[in-house]
Amino acid sequence: MSAKVLRKFFLGFISIHILHHASKEPIYGLWMIDELKRHGYNLSAGTLYPILHSMEKDVLLLVEERNVDGKIRKYYMITEQGRVVLKEARNKAFELFKEMK
């Protein structure tokens, strides 16, 4: 199967994973890349940041710039709309996984 096809499927999982972590604490890009790598997703910054920006545009994430060691780092936090989407995504994923198992 082509990597392109698998990538389309996994992009949804990645978005859910981002919302999950952003619901627990503010996240930033490099941390999220490392976290996703732990789960077998090898994303570059050029792939992750457009996803984060799209989620911000869709009002699923809110961004806050913070000065960390003299550099500006963008932290992403879940919004109320993001929480609603995450809850629905969890329900749908749970139902799907029950059926597949």
N, C-alpha and C. Protein backbone atom coordinates (compact mmCIF):
# COMPACT_ATOMS: atom_id res chain seq x y z
N MET A 1 0.86 -1.17 0.00
CA MET A 1 0.00 0.00 0.00
C MET A 1 0.90 1.23 0.00
N SER A 2 0.48 2.24 -0.70
CA SER A 2 1.33 3.42 -0.80
C SER A 2 1.33 4.23 0.49
N ALA A 3 2.46 4.86 0.74
CA ALA A 3 2.59 5.71 1.92
C ALA A 3 1.60 6.86 1.87
N LYS A 4 1.28 7.32 0.66
CA LYS A 4 0.33 8.43 0.50
C LYS A 4 -1.06 8.06 1.02
N VAL A 5 -1.49 6.85 0.75
CA VAL A 5 -2.80 6.39 1.21
C VAL A 5 -2.82 6.28 2.73
N LEU A 6 -1.79 5.66 3.29
CA LEU A 6 -1.71 5.53 4.74
C LEU A 6 -1.66 6.90 5.41
N ARG A 7 -0.94 7.81 4.81
CA ARG A 7 -0.82 9.16 5.36
C ARG A 7 -2.18 9.83 5.51
N LYS A 8 -3.04 9.65 4.50
CA LYS A 8 -4.39 10.23 4.56
C LYS A 8 -5.16 9.70 5.77
N PHE A 9 -5.06 8.41 6.02
CA PHE A 9 -5.74 7.81 7.16
C PHE A 9 -5.17 8.33 8.48
N PHE A 10 -3.86 8.39 8.56
CA PHE A 10 -3.20 8.74 9.82
C PHE A 10 -3.34 10.21 10.17
N LEU A 11 -3.59 11.09 9.21
CA LEU A 11 -3.73 12.52 9.52
C LEU A 11 -4.88 12.77 10.50
N GLY A 12 -5.94 12.01 10.38
CA GLY A 12 -7.05 12.14 11.34
C GLY A 12 -6.64 11.69 12.73
N PHE A 13 -5.90 10.59 12.81
CA PHE A 13 -5.41 10.11 14.10
C PHE A 13 -4.48 11.14 14.74
N ILE A 14 -3.66 11.75 13.93
CA ILE A 14 -2.70 12.75 14.42
C ILE A 14 -3.45 13.94 15.01
N SER A 15 -4.48 14.40 14.33
CA SER A 15 -5.27 15.53 14.84
C SER A 15 -5.93 15.20 16.17
N ILE A 16 -6.45 14.00 16.29
CA ILE A 16 -7.06 13.57 17.56
C ILE A 16 -5.99 13.52 18.65
N HIS A 17 -4.83 13.01 18.30
CA HIS A 17 -3.73 12.92 19.26
C HIS A 17 -3.32 14.32 19.74
N ILE A 18 -3.27 15.27 18.82
CA ILE A 18 -2.94 16.65 19.18
C ILE A 18 -3.98 17.21 20.14
N LEU A 19 -5.26 17.04 19.82
CA LEU A 19 -6.31 17.55 20.70
C LEU A 19 -6.24 16.89 22.07
N HIS A 20 -5.97 15.60 22.09
CA HIS A 20 -5.87 14.88 23.37
C HIS A 20 -4.82 15.52 24.27
N HIS A 21 -3.63 15.72 23.73
CA HIS A 21 -2.56 16.29 24.56
C HIS A 21 -2.81 17.75 24.90
N ALA A 22 -3.36 18.50 23.96
CA ALA A 22 -3.66 19.91 24.23
C ALA A 22 -4.76 20.05 25.27
N SER A 23 -5.56 19.01 25.46
CA SER A 23 -6.60 19.07 26.49
C SER A 23 -6.01 18.86 27.88
N LYS A 24 -4.82 18.30 27.95
CA LYS A 24 -4.18 18.03 29.24
C LYS A 24 -3.28 19.18 29.68
N GLU A 25 -2.57 19.79 28.73
CA GLU A 25 -1.66 20.89 29.02
C GLU A 25 -1.28 21.57 27.71
N PRO A 26 -0.79 22.80 27.76
CA PRO A 26 -0.34 23.45 26.52
C PRO A 26 0.80 22.65 25.89
N ILE A 27 0.78 22.56 24.58
CA ILE A 27 1.80 21.81 23.84
C ILE A 27 2.50 22.75 22.87
N TYR A 28 3.68 22.35 22.42
CA TYR A 28 4.36 23.11 21.36
C TYR A 28 4.86 22.11 20.31
N GLY A 29 5.17 22.63 19.15
CA GLY A 29 5.44 21.79 17.98
C GLY A 29 6.49 20.72 18.16
N LEU A 30 7.68 21.09 18.61
CA LEU A 30 8.75 20.11 18.73
C LEU A 30 8.39 19.01 19.72
N TRP A 31 7.75 19.38 20.82
CA TRP A 31 7.31 18.37 21.78
C TRP A 31 6.33 17.41 21.11
N MET A 32 5.40 17.97 20.32
CA MET A 32 4.39 17.14 19.68
C MET A 32 5.02 16.21 18.63
N ILE A 33 6.02 16.70 17.92
CA ILE A 33 6.72 15.85 16.95
C ILE A 33 7.35 14.66 17.67
N ASP A 34 8.00 14.93 18.80
CA ASP A 34 8.62 13.86 19.58
C ASP A 34 7.58 12.89 20.13
N GLU A 35 6.47 13.42 20.62
CA GLU A 35 5.40 12.58 21.16
C GLU A 35 4.83 11.68 20.07
N LEU A 36 4.56 12.24 18.92
CA LEU A 36 4.02 11.44 17.82
C LEU A 36 5.02 10.38 17.36
N LYS A 37 6.30 10.73 17.39
CA LYS A 37 7.34 9.77 17.00
C LYS A 37 7.33 8.56 17.93
N ARG A 38 7.06 8.80 19.22
CA ARG A 38 6.98 7.68 20.18
C ARG A 38 5.88 6.69 19.80
N HIS A 39 4.91 7.17 19.03
CA HIS A 39 3.79 6.32 18.62
C HIS A 39 3.89 5.87 17.17
N GLY A 40 5.06 6.07 16.58
CA GLY A 40 5.30 5.56 15.24
C GLY A 40 4.99 6.52 14.10
N TYR A 41 4.64 7.76 14.42
CA TYR A 41 4.38 8.76 13.39
C TYR A 41 5.62 9.61 13.21
N ASN A 42 6.24 9.56 12.06
CA ASN A 42 7.43 10.36 11.80
C ASN A 42 7.05 11.57 10.97
N LEU A 43 6.77 12.66 11.65
CA LEU A 43 6.35 13.90 10.99
C LEU A 43 7.47 14.92 11.04
N SER A 44 7.57 15.68 9.99
CA SER A 44 8.51 16.80 9.99
C SER A 44 7.75 18.03 10.47
N ALA A 45 8.50 19.07 10.80
CA ALA A 45 7.88 20.34 11.17
C ALA A 45 7.03 20.87 10.02
N GLY A 46 7.48 20.63 8.80
CA GLY A 46 6.75 21.08 7.62
C GLY A 46 5.41 20.39 7.43
N THR A 47 5.22 19.27 8.10
CA THR A 47 3.93 18.58 8.08
C THR A 47 3.10 18.96 9.29
N LEU A 48 3.72 19.00 10.47
CA LEU A 48 2.97 19.27 11.70
C LEU A 48 2.44 20.70 11.77
N TYR A 49 3.27 21.67 11.47
CA TYR A 49 2.84 23.06 11.68
C TYR A 49 1.63 23.45 10.83
N PRO A 50 1.53 23.02 9.58
CA PRO A 50 0.28 23.31 8.85
C PRO A 50 -0.95 22.69 9.50
N ILE A 51 -0.78 21.51 10.12
CA ILE A 51 -1.90 20.88 10.83
C ILE A 51 -2.29 21.75 12.02
N LEU A 52 -1.29 22.17 12.81
CA LEU A 52 -1.57 23.03 13.97
C LEU A 52 -2.23 24.33 13.53
N HIS A 53 -1.72 24.94 12.46
CA HIS A 53 -2.30 26.21 11.98
C HIS A 53 -3.74 26.02 11.50
N SER A 54 -3.99 24.90 10.85
CA SER A 54 -5.35 24.60 10.39
C SER A 54 -6.28 24.39 11.57
N MET A 55 -5.81 23.71 12.60
CA MET A 55 -6.63 23.49 13.79
C MET A 55 -6.88 24.80 14.53
N GLU A 56 -5.91 25.70 14.49
CA GLU A 56 -6.10 27.03 15.08
C GLU A 56 -7.15 27.80 14.28
N LYS A 57 -7.04 27.76 12.96
CA LYS A 57 -8.00 28.44 12.08
C LYS A 57 -9.42 27.91 12.29
N ASP A 58 -9.54 26.61 12.56
CA ASP A 58 -10.84 25.98 12.80
C ASP A 58 -11.32 26.17 14.24
N VAL A 59 -10.59 26.94 15.02
CA VAL A 59 -10.90 27.27 16.41
C VAL A 59 -10.94 26.02 17.30
N LEU A 60 -10.09 25.05 16.98
CA LEU A 60 -9.93 23.88 17.84
C LEU A 60 -8.80 24.10 18.83
N LEU A 61 -7.84 24.93 18.42
CA LEU A 61 -6.69 25.27 19.26
C LEU A 61 -6.55 26.78 19.35
N LEU A 62 -6.03 27.21 20.46
CA LEU A 62 -5.70 28.62 20.70
C LEU A 62 -4.19 28.67 20.87
N VAL A 63 -3.54 29.67 20.28
CA VAL A 63 -2.08 29.76 20.37
C VAL A 63 -1.68 30.92 21.28
N GLU A 64 -0.63 30.68 22.04
CA GLU A 64 -0.08 31.71 22.92
C GLU A 64 1.44 31.70 22.73
N GLU A 65 2.00 32.87 22.46
CA GLU A 65 3.45 32.97 22.31
C GLU A 65 4.08 33.24 23.67
N ARG A 66 5.14 32.48 23.96
CA ARG A 66 5.86 32.65 25.22
C ARG A 66 7.35 32.76 24.93
N ASN A 67 8.03 33.55 25.73
CA ASN A 67 9.47 33.69 25.61
C ASN A 67 10.12 32.58 26.42
N VAL A 68 10.86 31.71 25.74
CA VAL A 68 11.55 30.61 26.40
C VAL A 68 13.03 30.72 26.06
N ASP A 69 13.82 31.06 27.05
CA ASP A 69 15.27 31.23 26.86
C ASP A 69 15.58 32.21 25.74
N GLY A 70 14.84 33.30 25.69
CA GLY A 70 15.10 34.34 24.71
C GLY A 70 14.51 34.08 23.33
N LYS A 71 13.80 32.97 23.17
CA LYS A 71 13.18 32.64 21.88
C LYS A 71 11.67 32.56 22.08
N ILE A 72 10.95 32.95 21.05
CA ILE A 72 9.49 32.87 21.10
C ILE A 72 9.06 31.46 20.72
N ARG A 73 8.28 30.85 21.61
CA ARG A 73 7.74 29.52 21.35
C ARG A 73 6.22 29.63 21.38
N LYS A 74 5.58 29.00 20.40
CA LYS A 74 4.12 28.99 20.34
C LYS A 74 3.59 27.76 21.08
N TYR A 75 2.72 28.03 22.05
CA TYR A 75 2.05 26.96 22.79
C TYR A 75 0.60 26.89 22.31
N TYR A 76 0.13 25.68 22.13
CA TYR A 76 -1.23 25.45 21.66
C TYR A 76 -2.06 24.84 22.77
N MET A 77 -3.26 25.41 22.97
CA MET A 77 -4.18 24.93 23.99
C MET A 77 -5.53 24.63 23.33
N ILE A 78 -6.21 23.66 23.85
CA ILE A 78 -7.51 23.30 23.29
C ILE A 78 -8.54 24.36 23.62
N THR A 79 -9.46 24.59 22.72
CA THR A 79 -10.58 25.50 22.94
C THR A 79 -11.81 24.68 23.35
N GLU A 80 -12.86 25.37 23.72
CA GLU A 80 -14.10 24.66 24.06
C GLU A 80 -14.61 23.89 22.84
N GLN A 81 -14.52 24.49 21.67
CA GLN A 81 -14.94 23.79 20.44
C GLN A 81 -14.05 22.56 20.21
N GLY A 82 -12.76 22.70 20.50
CA GLY A 82 -11.85 21.56 20.38
C GLY A 82 -12.23 20.44 21.31
N ARG A 83 -12.68 20.78 22.52
CA ARG A 83 -13.11 19.76 23.49
C ARG A 83 -14.34 19.00 22.97
N VAL A 84 -15.25 19.72 22.35
CA VAL A 84 -16.45 19.08 21.78
C VAL A 84 -16.04 18.11 20.67
N VAL A 85 -15.15 18.56 19.80
CA VAL A 85 -14.68 17.72 18.70
C VAL A 85 -13.93 16.50 19.25
N LEU A 86 -13.08 16.70 20.24
CA LEU A 86 -12.32 15.60 20.83
C LEU A 86 -13.27 14.57 21.45
N LYS A 87 -14.26 15.03 22.17
CA LYS A 87 -15.23 14.10 22.78
C LYS A 87 -15.92 13.26 21.71
N GLU A 88 -16.37 13.90 20.65
CA GLU A 88 -17.05 13.18 19.57
C GLU A 88 -16.09 12.22 18.87
N ALA A 89 -14.85 12.66 18.65
CA ALA A 89 -13.85 11.80 18.00
C ALA A 89 -13.56 10.57 18.86
N ARG A 90 -13.45 10.77 20.17
CA ARG A 90 -13.23 9.63 21.08
C ARG A 90 -14.39 8.64 21.01
N ASN A 91 -15.61 9.16 21.01
CA ASN A 91 -16.78 8.29 20.93
C ASN A 91 -16.79 7.49 19.64
N LYS A 92 -16.52 8.16 18.53
CA LYS A 92 -16.51 7.48 17.22
C LYS A 92 -15.37 6.46 17.16
N ALA A 93 -14.19 6.83 17.66
CA ALA A 93 -13.05 5.91 17.64
C ALA A 93 -13.35 4.68 18.51
N PHE A 94 -13.92 4.90 19.69
CA PHE A 94 -14.24 3.80 20.58
C PHE A 94 -15.22 2.84 19.90
N GLU A 95 -16.25 3.38 19.26
CA GLU A 95 -17.23 2.55 18.58
C GLU A 95 -16.58 1.76 17.44
N LEU A 96 -15.73 2.41 16.68
CA LEU A 96 -15.05 1.74 15.58
C LEU A 96 -14.15 0.62 16.08
N PHE A 97 -13.34 0.91 17.12
CA PHE A 97 -12.42 -0.09 17.63
C PHE A 97 -13.18 -1.29 18.24
N LYS A 98 -14.33 -1.03 18.90
CA LYS A 98 -15.13 -2.13 19.42
C LYS A 98 -15.58 -3.04 18.28
N GLU A 99 -16.01 -2.44 17.20
CA GLU A 99 -16.50 -3.22 16.07
C GLU A 99 -15.36 -4.01 15.40
N MET A 100 -14.20 -3.40 15.31
CA MET A 100 -13.07 -4.05 14.65
C MET A 100 -12.50 -5.19 15.50
N LYS A 101 -12.66 -5.09 16.81
CA LYS A 101 -12.10 -6.09 17.71
C LYS A 101 -13.02 -7.28 17.75
